[in-house]
Amino acid sequence: DVLDNLLDRKELTELYVNNLNRELTSVDWAWIAQDFNLFVTRVIAKEDKKDLDETSQKPPKYWLFAPGKNASKWDEFYEEGIMAIGWDELSDFNDYNSRDEIVDSMREKYNKPSSGFMNDSLCCFDFANTINKGDIIICKKGRQSYIGYGIVTSDYFYDNSKDDFHHIRKVEWIKRGHWEEASSIVLKTLTDITKYPDYVNRLKELLGMQTDKQAYSIEDATLDLFLSTEDFRQYLQLLKAKKNIVLQGPPGVGKTFVSKRLAYSLLGEKDDSKIEMIQFHQSYSYEDFIQGFRPKEEGGFKLSNG
């Protein structure tokens, strides 16, 4: 039983009891079981999430990216909401513990000296380990034009079911077009340009970039949630189909917490300015929400409440 296992964590039990503003014996035990389970789940999730929180608070990096040779994969990547790189002879990048191991594998697979893989190995390592969710990807075509930009929304993953370009991250592509570069763009597949702020600012102006949007995925929504990803996805699908759902439960079990996550997921971004919380008190009546046209003494009609 999950709750029994959680009760073994004495320090969390004490923390929970200390946060109750009432005598424990006066609380409904069914409510305690639900609320305590939620409380401990959140505490444990926050403990495990400290490093992720520190990462998410960092400003985004800016990357130049070539979607295939001469942008040959751009349409495919844009439609699928991904970015991907080749080197398909290599296995899942998570199998390599260091950049040196990637170099060794490249030397074996492609039969070239290690010195020929310095840029390629850096690209693979950065793609899997250095890029973070929230980073900005600026796509280029050749050495003379930019063709779009987006925000990274997932960690690296490997998909060998595709014909090629098995190394993938999800990206929310925000804008596509064609912008000429007066000088030459670097040739490498993936380049971190964050350390060149003047260049980054020039690209922001050139592409009309709006990068303050905080992308939000189902993975973000369920990161510290007591629901499984499958259950959350089902709630989201029901909400899209029915336009409303009812979450039932006693106070403190997380109904509002879940509702906000559902709203963020529908928006695809975490933007509280687009969310309204409305509370209906039991004393509200039908007339409090209805307006109608009523006859006036002098003739005609007027719009009246109730």
Protein backbone atom coordinates (compact mmCIF):
# COMPACT_ATOMS: atom_id res chain seq x y z
CA ASP A 1 0.00 0.00 0.00
CA VAL A 2 1.44 3.36 -1.08
CA LEU A 3 0.15 5.22 1.96
CA ASP A 4 1.64 2.66 4.36
CA ASN A 5 5.02 3.09 2.69
CA LEU A 6 4.76 6.86 2.97
CA LEU A 7 3.93 6.62 6.68
CA ASP A 8 7.36 5.05 7.22
CA ARG A 9 8.88 8.45 6.49
CA LYS A 10 8.70 9.78 10.04
CA GLU A 11 10.05 13.23 9.25
CA LEU A 12 7.36 13.81 6.62
CA THR A 13 4.64 12.55 8.96
CA GLU A 14 5.76 15.03 11.61
CA LEU A 15 5.93 17.82 9.04
CA TYR A 16 2.37 17.07 7.94
CA VAL A 17 0.96 16.91 11.48
CA ASN A 18 2.69 20.18 12.39
CA ASN A 19 0.93 21.85 9.46
CA LEU A 20 -2.55 20.87 10.63
CA ASN A 21 -4.39 23.67 12.40
CA ARG A 22 -6.69 21.34 14.30
CA GLU A 23 -6.63 18.33 16.59
CA LEU A 24 -5.84 15.22 14.59
CA THR A 25 -8.58 13.18 16.26
CA SER A 26 -11.31 15.52 14.99
CA VAL A 27 -10.47 15.07 11.30
CA ASP A 28 -12.24 12.64 9.06
CA TRP A 29 -9.81 9.74 8.49
CA ALA A 30 -10.77 9.27 4.86
CA TRP A 31 -9.91 12.91 4.24
CA ILE A 32 -6.58 12.46 6.05
CA ALA A 33 -5.64 9.52 3.83
CA GLN A 34 -6.25 11.51 0.64
CA ASP A 35 -4.70 14.73 1.84
CA PHE A 36 -1.65 13.12 3.41
CA ASN A 37 -0.96 11.09 0.28
CA LEU A 38 -1.06 14.27 -1.81
CA PHE A 39 1.03 16.21 0.70
CA VAL A 40 3.83 13.65 0.87
CA THR A 41 3.83 13.13 -2.90
CA ARG A 42 4.40 16.85 -3.37
CA VAL A 43 7.19 16.97 -0.77
CA ILE A 44 9.02 14.01 -2.33
CA ALA A 45 8.59 15.47 -5.81
CA LYS A 46 10.02 18.79 -4.67
CA GLU A 47 13.03 17.02 -3.17
CA ASP A 48 13.69 15.19 -6.44
CA LYS A 49 13.05 18.32 -8.49
CA LYS A 50 15.54 20.73 -6.87
CA ASP A 51 18.15 20.35 -9.60
CA LEU A 52 15.50 20.74 -12.30
CA ASP A 53 14.19 23.91 -10.67
CA GLU A 54 17.68 25.40 -10.62
CA THR A 55 18.08 24.60 -14.31
CA SER A 56 14.68 26.05 -15.24
CA GLN A 57 15.55 29.35 -13.55
CA LYS A 58 18.56 29.87 -15.81
CA PRO A 59 18.12 32.16 -18.81
CA PRO A 60 17.70 30.30 -22.11
CA LYS A 61 20.60 29.59 -24.40
CA TYR A 62 20.46 30.48 -28.09
CA TRP A 63 21.48 27.89 -30.68
CA LEU A 64 21.98 27.97 -34.44
CA PHE A 65 20.78 24.72 -35.99
CA ALA A 66 20.89 23.22 -39.48
CA PRO A 67 17.83 20.98 -40.11
CA GLY A 68 19.57 18.64 -42.52
CA LYS A 69 21.89 19.49 -45.38
CA ASN A 70 20.73 22.74 -46.97
CA ALA A 71 17.69 22.60 -44.63
CA SER A 72 16.38 19.48 -46.40
CA LYS A 73 14.55 18.33 -43.23
CA TRP A 74 13.04 21.68 -42.29
CA ASP A 75 9.48 21.04 -43.52
CA GLU A 76 9.41 17.63 -41.83
CA PHE A 77 10.78 18.96 -38.54
CA TYR A 78 8.40 21.91 -38.56
CA GLU A 79 5.34 19.71 -39.15
CA GLU A 80 6.34 17.17 -36.50
CA GLY A 81 7.42 19.77 -33.93
CA ILE A 82 10.92 18.35 -33.53
CA MET A 83 14.59 18.99 -34.16
CA ALA A 84 16.84 16.03 -34.95
CA ILE A 85 20.38 15.21 -35.98
CA GLY A 86 21.91 12.33 -37.92
CA TRP A 87 24.97 10.23 -37.04
CA ASP A 88 22.55 7.31 -37.19
CA GLU A 89 25.34 4.75 -36.88
CA LEU A 90 25.67 5.81 -33.25
CA SER A 91 23.35 4.34 -30.63
CA ASP A 92 21.29 6.27 -28.10
CA PHE A 93 23.46 9.16 -26.84
CA ASN A 94 22.40 8.27 -23.30
CA ASP A 95 24.59 5.17 -23.68
CA TYR A 96 27.71 7.35 -23.73
CA ASN A 97 29.13 8.66 -20.46
CA SER A 98 31.32 11.35 -22.00
CA ARG A 99 32.17 13.18 -25.18
CA ASP A 100 35.34 11.06 -25.46
CA GLU A 101 33.22 7.92 -25.68
CA ILE A 102 31.27 9.49 -28.53
CA VAL A 103 34.55 10.27 -30.33
CA ASP A 104 35.73 6.67 -29.90
CA SER A 105 32.46 5.33 -31.26
CA MET A 106 32.59 7.70 -34.25
CA ARG A 107 36.12 6.58 -35.03
CA GLU A 108 35.01 2.94 -35.02
CA LYS A 109 31.80 3.47 -36.99
CA TYR A 110 33.10 5.89 -39.62
CA ASN A 111 36.76 4.76 -39.84
CA LYS A 112 38.36 8.18 -39.46
CA PRO A 113 40.94 9.53 -36.99
CA SER A 114 39.59 11.05 -33.78
CA SER A 115 40.74 14.54 -34.79
CA GLY A 116 38.15 14.54 -37.56
CA PHE A 117 35.27 14.24 -35.11
CA MET A 118 35.89 17.10 -32.69
CA ASN A 119 33.06 19.32 -33.97
CA ASP A 120 30.76 16.38 -34.67
CA SER A 121 31.20 14.89 -31.21
CA LEU A 122 30.57 18.29 -29.61
CA CYS A 123 27.36 18.61 -31.62
CA CYS A 124 26.14 15.19 -30.45
CA PHE A 125 27.13 15.80 -26.83
CA ASP A 126 25.52 19.26 -26.72
CA PHE A 127 22.37 17.99 -28.41
CA ALA A 128 21.87 15.33 -25.75
CA ASN A 129 23.28 17.01 -22.65
CA THR A 130 23.76 20.77 -22.93
CA ILE A 131 20.54 21.98 -24.56
CA ASN A 132 17.78 22.56 -22.00
CA LYS A 133 14.03 22.87 -22.24
CA GLY A 134 13.26 26.53 -22.87
CA ASP A 135 16.35 27.13 -25.02
CA ILE A 136 15.85 28.99 -28.31
CA ILE A 137 16.62 27.21 -31.59
CA ILE A 138 17.27 29.37 -34.67
CA CYS A 139 17.25 27.39 -37.91
CA LYS A 140 19.51 28.26 -40.81
CA LYS A 141 19.74 27.28 -44.45
CA GLY A 142 23.22 27.20 -45.90
CA ARG A 143 25.40 30.14 -44.96
CA GLN A 144 23.19 33.02 -46.05
CA SER A 145 19.70 32.73 -44.53
CA TYR A 146 17.63 31.95 -41.44
CA ILE A 147 14.33 30.11 -41.84
CA GLY A 148 12.65 29.98 -38.44
CA TYR A 149 12.94 29.65 -34.69
CA GLY A 150 11.31 27.84 -31.78
CA ILE A 151 11.56 26.81 -28.13
CA VAL A 152 12.83 23.42 -26.94
CA THR A 153 10.08 21.58 -25.02
CA SER A 154 11.58 18.16 -24.23
CA ASP A 155 14.69 16.34 -23.17
CA TYR A 156 16.72 14.36 -25.69
CA PHE A 157 15.34 10.99 -26.79
CA TYR A 158 16.30 8.30 -29.30
CA ASP A 159 13.87 6.91 -31.90
CA ASN A 160 15.24 4.21 -34.20
CA SER A 161 11.81 3.65 -35.76
CA LYS A 162 12.47 6.62 -38.05
CA ASP A 163 14.27 6.08 -41.35
CA ASP A 164 17.01 8.52 -40.36
CA PHE A 165 17.79 11.31 -37.90
CA HIS A 166 17.13 9.15 -34.83
CA HIS A 167 18.39 11.67 -32.25
CA ILE A 168 15.49 13.96 -31.38
CA ARG A 169 14.14 16.75 -29.19
CA LYS A 170 10.67 18.25 -29.33
CA VAL A 171 10.44 21.92 -30.29
CA GLU A 172 7.53 24.33 -30.41
CA TRP A 173 8.27 26.16 -33.65
CA ILE A 174 7.04 29.72 -33.29
CA LYS A 175 7.83 31.33 -36.61
CA ARG A 176 9.07 30.39 -40.06
CA GLY A 177 10.12 32.54 -43.00
CA HIS A 178 13.22 33.66 -44.86
CA TRP A 179 15.69 36.21 -43.55
CA GLU A 180 18.93 36.96 -45.37
CA GLU A 181 22.24 37.24 -43.52
CA ALA A 182 24.61 39.94 -44.73
CA SER A 183 27.70 38.00 -43.67
CA SER A 184 28.39 34.25 -43.66
CA ILE A 185 26.68 31.95 -41.13
CA VAL A 186 28.81 29.34 -39.38
CA LEU A 187 28.79 25.94 -41.09
CA LYS A 188 28.41 23.66 -38.06
CA THR A 189 25.17 21.73 -37.52
CA LEU A 190 24.68 23.05 -33.97
CA THR A 191 26.29 26.15 -32.48
CA ASP A 192 25.78 27.82 -29.11
CA ILE A 193 25.70 31.57 -29.84
CA THR A 194 24.64 32.66 -26.34
CA LYS A 195 28.12 34.01 -25.63
CA TYR A 196 27.72 36.50 -28.48
CA PRO A 197 24.97 38.80 -27.13
CA ASP A 198 25.32 41.39 -29.90
CA TYR A 199 24.78 38.69 -32.50
CA VAL A 200 21.81 37.26 -30.56
CA ASN A 201 20.18 40.69 -30.23
CA ARG A 202 20.65 41.34 -33.94
CA LEU A 203 18.95 38.03 -34.76
CA LYS A 204 16.09 38.81 -32.37
CA GLU A 205 15.48 42.07 -34.21
CA LEU A 206 15.93 40.52 -37.66
CA LEU A 207 13.50 37.64 -37.04
CA GLY A 208 11.09 39.64 -34.86
CA MET A 209 11.56 37.09 -32.11
CA GLN A 210 9.16 36.82 -29.19
CA THR A 211 10.91 34.50 -26.74
CA ASP A 212 9.35 35.41 -23.40
CA LYS A 213 6.76 32.67 -23.82
CA GLN A 214 7.29 29.84 -21.34
CA ALA A 215 6.53 26.62 -23.20
CA TYR A 216 4.48 24.09 -21.24
CA SER A 217 4.05 20.40 -22.04
CA ILE A 218 2.25 17.45 -20.46
CA GLU A 219 5.61 16.39 -19.06
CA ASP A 220 5.85 19.75 -17.28
CA ALA A 221 2.28 19.42 -16.00
CA THR A 222 2.82 16.01 -14.40
CA LEU A 223 6.35 16.62 -13.12
CA ASP A 224 5.25 17.18 -9.50
CA LEU A 225 1.65 16.05 -9.79
CA PHE A 226 0.03 13.13 -7.97
CA LEU A 227 -1.68 11.97 -11.19
CA SER A 228 -0.10 9.65 -13.71
CA THR A 229 0.69 11.00 -17.17
CA GLU A 230 -1.95 8.68 -18.65
CA ASP A 231 -4.70 9.96 -16.31
CA PHE A 232 -3.73 13.58 -16.91
CA ARG A 233 -3.75 13.06 -20.67
CA GLN A 234 -7.24 11.52 -20.42
CA TYR A 235 -8.52 14.51 -18.40
CA LEU A 236 -7.07 16.85 -21.01
CA GLN A 237 -8.72 14.96 -23.87
CA LEU A 238 -12.08 15.01 -22.06
CA LEU A 239 -11.76 18.74 -21.48
CA LYS A 240 -11.02 19.36 -25.16
CA ALA A 241 -13.97 17.21 -26.23
CA LYS A 242 -16.59 18.21 -23.64
CA LYS A 243 -15.34 21.76 -22.93
CA ASN A 244 -15.80 21.22 -19.19
CA ILE A 245 -15.04 18.62 -16.54
CA VAL A 246 -15.91 18.32 -12.84
CA LEU A 247 -13.18 17.54 -10.31
CA GLN A 248 -14.70 16.30 -7.06
CA GLY A 249 -13.04 15.95 -3.68
CA PRO A 250 -12.71 17.40 -0.16
CA PRO A 251 -10.72 20.60 0.49
CA GLY A 252 -6.98 20.35 0.10
CA VAL A 253 -6.66 17.38 -2.25
CA GLY A 254 -5.44 19.42 -5.21
CA LYS A 255 -8.44 20.25 -7.42
CA THR A 256 -7.27 23.81 -8.09
CA PHE A 257 -3.69 22.58 -8.46
CA VAL A 258 -4.75 20.14 -11.20
CA SER A 259 -7.05 22.70 -12.84
CA LYS A 260 -4.20 25.15 -13.35
CA ARG A 261 -2.02 22.44 -14.88
CA LEU A 262 -4.83 21.53 -17.27
CA ALA A 263 -5.22 25.18 -18.26
CA TYR A 264 -1.49 25.59 -18.89
CA SER A 265 -1.49 22.42 -21.00
CA LEU A 266 -4.40 23.66 -23.11
CA LEU A 267 -2.57 26.95 -23.70
CA GLY A 268 0.75 25.25 -24.36
CA GLU A 269 2.39 27.85 -22.14
CA LYS A 270 2.45 28.92 -18.51
CA ASP A 271 0.72 32.29 -18.68
CA ASP A 272 -1.43 33.24 -15.68
CA SER A 273 -2.66 36.36 -17.49
CA LYS A 274 -4.80 34.07 -19.69
CA ILE A 275 -6.40 32.17 -16.79
CA GLU A 276 -9.33 33.33 -14.65
CA MET A 277 -10.42 31.70 -11.39
CA ILE A 278 -14.15 32.03 -10.63
CA GLN A 279 -15.62 30.91 -7.31
CA PHE A 280 -19.33 30.07 -7.03
CA HIS A 281 -20.75 30.34 -3.52
CA GLN A 282 -23.70 28.19 -2.54
CA SER A 283 -25.83 31.29 -1.92
CA TYR A 284 -25.54 32.39 -5.56
CA SER A 285 -28.75 32.02 -7.53
CA TYR A 286 -29.72 31.77 -11.17
CA GLU A 287 -30.65 35.45 -11.27
CA ASP A 288 -27.11 36.49 -10.30
CA PHE A 289 -25.85 35.42 -13.73
CA ILE A 290 -28.73 36.28 -16.07
CA GLN A 291 -29.62 39.50 -17.85
CA GLY A 292 -32.73 40.21 -19.88
CA PHE A 293 -34.74 42.94 -21.56
CA ARG A 294 -37.52 44.30 -19.34
CA PRO A 295 -40.27 46.75 -20.33
CA LYS A 296 -39.88 50.35 -19.20
CA GLU A 297 -42.74 52.47 -17.80
CA GLU A 298 -42.23 55.06 -20.51
CA GLY A 299 -42.25 52.39 -23.18
CA GLY A 300 -39.57 50.33 -24.81
CA PHE A 301 -37.19 47.91 -23.14
CA LYS A 302 -34.05 48.07 -21.05
CA LEU A 303 -31.37 45.50 -20.22
CA SER A 304 -31.68 44.45 -16.58
CA ASN A 305 -29.90 42.00 -14.31
CA GLY A 306 -31.75 38.95 -13.05
